[in-house]
Amino acid sequence: MRGVFYGSYFYGVCAAALSAEITVQAVGGLPPVAWLLATGMATVWFYTRAFLQGAMPASDARTIWLQSNRQAIRLQQAATPFVLSLLGLWLVNENFEGLSDHICLPELLLAAAFPIIAFLYDARRLPFRLRKWGLFKPFVISLVWTGCTGVVPLLWLQWTSGKGMFTAHITVLLLHRWMFLAVIAAAFDIKDYAEDSQAALHTWVVRSGLRQLLFGQLLPLAWVGCIGLLLFSQYLHWQSAYTAWMLLPMVLLLTVLYMLRRRRSLIYYLSVVDGLMIIQAFCGMAAVLL
């Protein structure tokens, strides 16, 4: 079961779920299964590639699992681009008419920007790596996730339907997701405090210390997110039930942040902290469909 988390498969599920949620919010229905499969597989491939190339502690539980399953994982990494190509060709073929009529270069460049930023984030052969910008690291990670699981699916809907998707409501949801994921990313860095400190990677927790990070930065930021969501709910005239569903992940985020004041295992961060993304996706879909 731990292989689901150590192999980054859970990240793939999170990415697919978030893509489904923004689609439900925009059009009231799920995206094609091929889209969800491609999103999940691309996420697993990217994160596995990063871990295989990175220098991780030999005693790390994830490193041990990756080494134990190295042959199967290398086969997976080799096969995934081929499967992604097939899924991409099928999606383009099924939607060729809409794409040919509505796709435009600026929006195509915008869609391409997010995976490019993702590769620049950990580009070891380039003179700079976005990962080294510790202060901005959570915001870069959340920008890529928001772009790949939010902006790109919406652009695809826009191209295939010819209808504008970036309404005020959707823009608020994207900004909220960016903030929500940034807090999760900053909290996730707590587990790497010792390694990041030795590597002179000045993440939020390295700069501030655990207590100041939690009680002076992340918890207040999460509260600001809650208040901001409530204000936007009034401005956009959200129904009470919809607002309650959208606030639930924020309440759980506050609870998880408070629990991080004590030392937690790697599997806790992978399942509970990152699991908030699944909660966010479920609540967003429930807000529309229930």
Protein backbone atom coordinates (compact mmCIF):
# COMPACT_ATOMS: atom_id res chain seq x y z
CA MET A 1 0.00 0.00 0.00
CA ARG A 2 2.85 2.38 0.74
CA GLY A 3 3.99 1.97 -2.84
CA VAL A 4 0.95 4.02 -3.86
CA PHE A 5 2.56 6.98 -2.09
CA TYR A 6 6.28 6.19 -2.59
CA GLY A 7 5.70 5.57 -6.30
CA SER A 8 3.95 8.96 -6.71
CA TYR A 9 0.77 7.21 -7.87
CA PHE A 10 -1.19 9.13 -5.27
CA TYR A 11 0.06 12.36 -6.85
CA GLY A 12 -1.38 11.13 -10.14
CA VAL A 13 -4.75 10.54 -8.50
CA CYS A 14 -4.63 14.02 -6.94
CA ALA A 15 -3.84 15.68 -10.27
CA ALA A 16 -6.63 13.81 -12.05
CA ALA A 17 -9.09 14.64 -9.27
CA LEU A 18 -8.25 18.34 -9.34
CA SER A 19 -8.62 18.39 -13.14
CA ALA A 20 -12.01 16.74 -12.79
CA GLU A 21 -13.07 19.25 -10.13
CA ILE A 22 -12.31 22.37 -12.18
CA THR A 23 -14.13 20.83 -15.16
CA VAL A 24 -17.19 20.09 -13.04
CA GLN A 25 -17.07 23.65 -11.71
CA ALA A 26 -16.91 25.07 -15.25
CA VAL A 27 -19.37 22.89 -17.19
CA GLY A 28 -21.06 20.66 -14.62
CA GLY A 29 -19.59 17.43 -16.02
CA LEU A 30 -16.44 15.32 -15.94
CA PRO A 31 -13.69 15.51 -18.57
CA PRO A 32 -12.98 12.51 -20.85
CA VAL A 33 -11.44 9.47 -19.18
CA ALA A 34 -8.49 9.79 -21.55
CA TRP A 35 -7.80 13.28 -20.22
CA LEU A 36 -7.85 12.08 -16.61
CA LEU A 37 -5.57 9.14 -17.45
CA ALA A 38 -3.12 11.40 -19.27
CA THR A 39 -3.06 13.89 -16.40
CA GLY A 40 -2.45 11.21 -13.79
CA MET A 41 0.17 9.34 -15.80
CA ALA A 42 2.09 12.50 -16.70
CA THR A 43 2.17 13.49 -13.02
CA VAL A 44 3.47 10.08 -11.92
CA TRP A 45 6.08 10.10 -14.68
CA PHE A 46 7.33 13.59 -13.79
CA TYR A 47 7.62 13.00 -10.04
CA THR A 48 9.21 9.56 -10.46
CA ARG A 49 11.72 11.04 -12.89
CA ALA A 50 12.60 13.75 -10.36
CA PHE A 51 13.13 11.22 -7.56
CA LEU A 52 15.21 8.86 -9.71
CA GLN A 53 17.51 11.71 -10.75
CA GLY A 54 17.70 13.34 -7.34
CA ALA A 55 20.16 12.65 -4.55
CA MET A 56 18.01 11.29 -1.74
CA PRO A 57 19.17 9.87 1.60
CA ALA A 58 19.85 6.13 1.33
CA SER A 59 17.85 5.52 4.51
CA ASP A 60 14.77 7.34 3.22
CA ALA A 61 11.79 4.97 3.02
CA ARG A 62 10.86 6.23 -0.43
CA THR A 63 14.42 5.72 -1.69
CA ILE A 64 14.44 2.15 -0.39
CA TRP A 65 11.13 1.43 -2.13
CA LEU A 66 12.32 2.96 -5.41
CA GLN A 67 15.55 0.95 -5.29
CA SER A 68 13.63 -2.26 -4.55
CA ASN A 69 11.37 -1.71 -7.54
CA ARG A 70 13.85 0.02 -9.81
CA GLN A 71 13.50 -2.33 -12.80
CA ALA A 72 9.69 -2.11 -12.91
CA ILE A 73 9.83 1.66 -12.44
CA ARG A 74 12.31 2.12 -15.30
CA LEU A 75 9.99 0.09 -17.54
CA GLN A 76 7.10 2.28 -16.42
CA GLN A 77 9.07 5.45 -17.17
CA ALA A 78 9.98 4.19 -20.65
CA ALA A 79 6.42 3.14 -21.52
CA THR A 80 4.57 6.19 -20.16
CA PRO A 81 5.60 8.69 -22.91
CA PHE A 82 4.38 6.22 -25.54
CA VAL A 83 1.00 5.78 -23.82
CA LEU A 84 0.70 9.56 -23.31
CA SER A 85 1.33 10.07 -27.03
CA LEU A 86 -1.47 7.65 -27.90
CA LEU A 87 -3.88 9.35 -25.48
CA GLY A 88 -2.93 12.75 -26.84
CA LEU A 89 -3.48 11.66 -30.45
CA TRP A 90 -6.87 10.19 -29.54
CA LEU A 91 -7.97 13.39 -27.78
CA VAL A 92 -6.85 15.55 -30.70
CA ASN A 93 -8.55 13.28 -33.23
CA GLU A 94 -11.82 13.28 -31.27
CA ASN A 95 -11.81 17.07 -30.96
CA PHE A 96 -9.99 18.08 -34.14
CA GLU A 97 -12.76 20.28 -35.54
CA GLY A 98 -13.12 22.36 -32.38
CA LEU A 99 -9.36 22.62 -31.92
CA SER A 100 -8.76 23.75 -35.48
CA ASP A 101 -11.43 26.45 -35.15
CA HIS A 102 -10.66 27.87 -31.72
CA ILE A 103 -7.07 27.21 -30.70
CA CYS A 104 -4.77 30.25 -30.77
CA LEU A 105 -1.05 30.74 -30.26
CA PRO A 106 -1.11 32.90 -27.07
CA GLU A 107 -3.33 30.38 -25.26
CA LEU A 108 -1.19 27.50 -26.54
CA LEU A 109 1.93 29.20 -25.18
CA LEU A 110 0.16 29.74 -21.86
CA ALA A 111 -0.69 26.04 -21.65
CA ALA A 112 2.92 25.10 -22.46
CA ALA A 113 4.34 27.51 -19.85
CA PHE A 114 3.30 25.39 -16.87
CA PRO A 115 5.09 22.13 -17.80
CA ILE A 116 8.10 24.20 -18.87
CA ILE A 117 8.22 25.82 -15.41
CA ALA A 118 7.92 22.36 -13.87
CA PHE A 119 11.03 21.14 -15.71
CA LEU A 120 12.94 24.36 -14.94
CA TYR A 121 12.06 23.88 -11.26
CA ASP A 122 14.45 20.95 -10.97
CA ALA A 123 16.66 21.33 -14.06
CA ARG A 124 20.02 20.08 -12.81
CA ARG A 125 21.96 20.77 -16.02
CA LEU A 126 20.99 24.42 -16.25
CA PRO A 127 22.92 27.19 -14.45
CA PHE A 128 19.85 27.92 -12.31
CA ARG A 129 17.13 25.85 -10.67
CA LEU A 130 13.85 27.34 -9.49
CA ARG A 131 13.99 24.86 -6.61
CA LYS A 132 16.87 26.84 -5.12
CA TRP A 133 14.62 29.85 -4.65
CA GLY A 134 13.43 28.56 -1.31
CA LEU A 135 11.29 31.57 -0.44
CA PHE A 136 9.28 31.23 -3.67
CA LYS A 137 9.34 27.42 -3.83
CA PRO A 138 5.78 26.82 -2.51
CA PHE A 139 4.34 29.41 -4.88
CA VAL A 140 6.17 27.94 -7.89
CA ILE A 141 4.94 24.44 -7.04
CA SER A 142 1.37 25.63 -6.52
CA LEU A 143 1.54 27.68 -9.74
CA VAL A 144 2.50 24.59 -11.74
CA TRP A 145 -0.18 22.45 -10.10
CA THR A 146 -2.84 25.14 -10.55
CA GLY A 147 -1.80 25.61 -14.16
CA CYS A 148 -1.65 21.94 -15.11
CA THR A 149 -4.79 20.88 -13.22
CA GLY A 150 -6.77 24.10 -13.60
CA VAL A 151 -5.78 26.47 -16.38
CA VAL A 152 -4.85 23.80 -18.95
CA PRO A 153 -8.10 21.79 -18.60
CA LEU A 154 -10.07 25.04 -18.90
CA LEU A 155 -8.14 26.02 -22.02
CA TRP A 156 -8.88 22.60 -23.48
CA LEU A 157 -12.60 23.09 -22.79
CA GLN A 158 -12.39 26.53 -24.36
CA TRP A 159 -10.72 25.18 -27.49
CA THR A 160 -13.06 22.23 -27.93
CA SER A 161 -16.31 24.08 -27.20
CA GLY A 162 -15.58 27.61 -28.40
CA LYS A 163 -17.02 29.01 -25.16
CA GLY A 164 -15.14 31.24 -22.72
CA MET A 165 -14.33 29.45 -19.44
CA PHE A 166 -12.49 32.07 -17.42
CA THR A 167 -15.42 33.72 -15.68
CA ALA A 168 -15.10 35.68 -12.43
CA HIS A 169 -16.25 32.59 -10.54
CA ILE A 170 -13.62 30.34 -12.13
CA THR A 171 -10.88 32.95 -11.67
CA VAL A 172 -11.64 33.09 -7.93
CA LEU A 173 -11.46 29.29 -7.75
CA LEU A 174 -8.08 29.27 -9.51
CA LEU A 175 -6.64 31.92 -7.18
CA HIS A 176 -8.01 30.02 -4.19
CA ARG A 177 -6.43 26.79 -5.45
CA TRP A 178 -3.07 28.50 -5.94
CA MET A 179 -3.10 29.77 -2.35
CA PHE A 180 -4.39 26.46 -0.94
CA LEU A 181 -1.69 24.44 -2.70
CA ALA A 182 1.02 26.95 -1.73
CA VAL A 183 0.20 26.43 1.96
CA ILE A 184 0.31 22.65 1.48
CA ALA A 185 3.67 22.90 -0.32
CA ALA A 186 5.16 25.07 2.44
CA ALA A 187 3.86 22.67 5.09
CA PHE A 188 5.28 19.69 3.19
CA ASP A 189 8.77 21.21 3.42
CA ILE A 190 8.68 20.70 7.19
CA LYS A 191 9.63 17.05 6.72
CA ASP A 192 12.78 18.11 4.80
CA TYR A 193 13.91 20.68 7.36
CA ALA A 194 17.24 18.98 8.19
CA GLU A 195 18.22 18.19 4.59
CA ASP A 196 17.23 21.64 3.28
CA SER A 197 19.13 23.34 6.08
CA GLN A 198 22.31 21.39 5.29
CA ALA A 199 21.90 22.12 1.58
CA ALA A 200 21.49 25.86 2.31
CA LEU A 201 18.05 25.76 0.71
CA HIS A 202 16.28 28.58 2.51
CA THR A 203 12.72 27.31 2.55
CA TRP A 204 10.12 28.91 4.80
CA VAL A 205 10.71 26.45 7.63
CA VAL A 206 14.51 26.84 7.41
CA ARG A 207 14.22 30.63 7.56
CA SER A 208 11.59 30.82 10.29
CA GLY A 209 11.68 27.64 12.34
CA LEU A 210 8.77 25.27 12.83
CA ARG A 211 6.72 27.22 15.38
CA GLN A 212 7.01 30.56 13.61
CA LEU A 213 6.18 28.91 10.28
CA LEU A 214 3.02 27.28 11.60
CA PHE A 215 1.66 29.91 13.97
CA GLY A 216 3.13 33.05 12.42
CA GLN A 217 2.74 32.33 8.72
CA LEU A 218 0.80 29.29 7.52
CA LEU A 219 -2.11 29.32 9.98
CA PRO A 220 -2.70 33.07 9.47
CA LEU A 221 -2.45 32.59 5.70
CA ALA A 222 -5.00 29.78 5.86
CA TRP A 223 -7.33 31.98 7.92
CA VAL A 224 -6.96 34.74 5.32
CA GLY A 225 -7.96 32.16 2.72
CA CYS A 226 -11.08 31.27 4.71
CA ILE A 227 -12.07 34.91 5.12
CA GLY A 228 -11.34 35.68 1.48
CA LEU A 229 -13.48 32.76 0.37
CA LEU A 230 -16.35 34.00 2.52
CA LEU A 231 -16.05 37.51 1.08
CA PHE A 232 -16.02 36.21 -2.48
CA SER A 233 -19.01 34.00 -1.69
CA GLN A 234 -20.96 37.13 -0.81
CA TYR A 235 -19.73 39.05 -3.85
CA LEU A 236 -20.51 36.18 -6.25
CA HIS A 237 -23.76 35.27 -4.48
CA TRP A 238 -22.84 31.68 -3.73
CA GLN A 239 -25.50 29.55 -2.08
CA SER A 240 -24.91 28.56 1.55
CA ALA A 241 -24.50 24.86 0.77
CA TYR A 242 -21.96 25.62 -1.97
CA THR A 243 -19.99 27.91 0.34
CA ALA A 244 -19.98 25.28 3.11
CA TRP A 245 -18.56 22.63 0.78
CA MET A 246 -15.86 25.01 -0.45
CA LEU A 247 -14.90 25.99 3.11
CA LEU A 248 -14.58 22.41 4.38
CA PRO A 249 -11.08 21.81 2.89
CA MET A 250 -9.91 25.06 4.49
CA VAL A 251 -11.14 23.92 7.91
CA LEU A 252 -9.33 20.60 7.45
CA LEU A 253 -6.21 22.47 6.32
CA LEU A 254 -6.23 24.49 9.54
CA THR A 255 -6.57 21.25 11.55
CA VAL A 256 -3.72 19.50 9.71
CA LEU A 257 -1.43 22.52 10.09
CA TYR A 258 -2.02 22.56 13.85
CA MET A 259 -1.21 18.83 14.03
CA LEU A 260 2.14 19.42 12.31
CA ARG A 261 3.52 21.03 15.46
CA ARG A 262 4.61 17.48 16.37
CA ARG A 263 7.02 15.34 14.39
CA ARG A 264 5.30 13.27 11.71
CA SER A 265 6.43 10.43 9.44
CA LEU A 266 6.98 10.68 5.68
CA ILE A 267 3.87 8.61 5.02
CA TYR A 268 1.83 11.10 7.08
CA TYR A 269 2.92 13.97 4.85
CA LEU A 270 2.29 11.95 1.69
CA SER A 271 -1.14 10.70 2.74
CA VAL A 272 -2.62 13.33 5.08
CA VAL A 273 -0.99 16.63 4.03
CA ASP A 274 -1.08 15.89 0.29
CA GLY A 275 -4.40 14.12 0.80
CA LEU A 276 -5.95 17.54 1.31
CA MET A 277 -5.81 17.88 -2.48
CA ILE A 278 -8.22 14.95 -2.82
CA ILE A 279 -10.48 16.55 -0.21
CA GLN A 280 -10.39 19.83 -2.14
CA ALA A 281 -11.33 18.07 -5.37
CA PHE A 282 -14.13 16.04 -3.77
CA CYS A 283 -15.64 19.04 -1.99
CA GLY A 284 -15.47 21.17 -5.14
CA MET A 285 -17.35 18.54 -7.13
CA ALA A 286 -19.81 17.92 -4.30
CA ALA A 287 -20.55 21.65 -4.11
CA VAL A 288 -21.77 21.57 -7.71
CA LEU A 289 -23.31 18.11 -8.00
CA LEU A 290 -24.97 17.62 -4.60
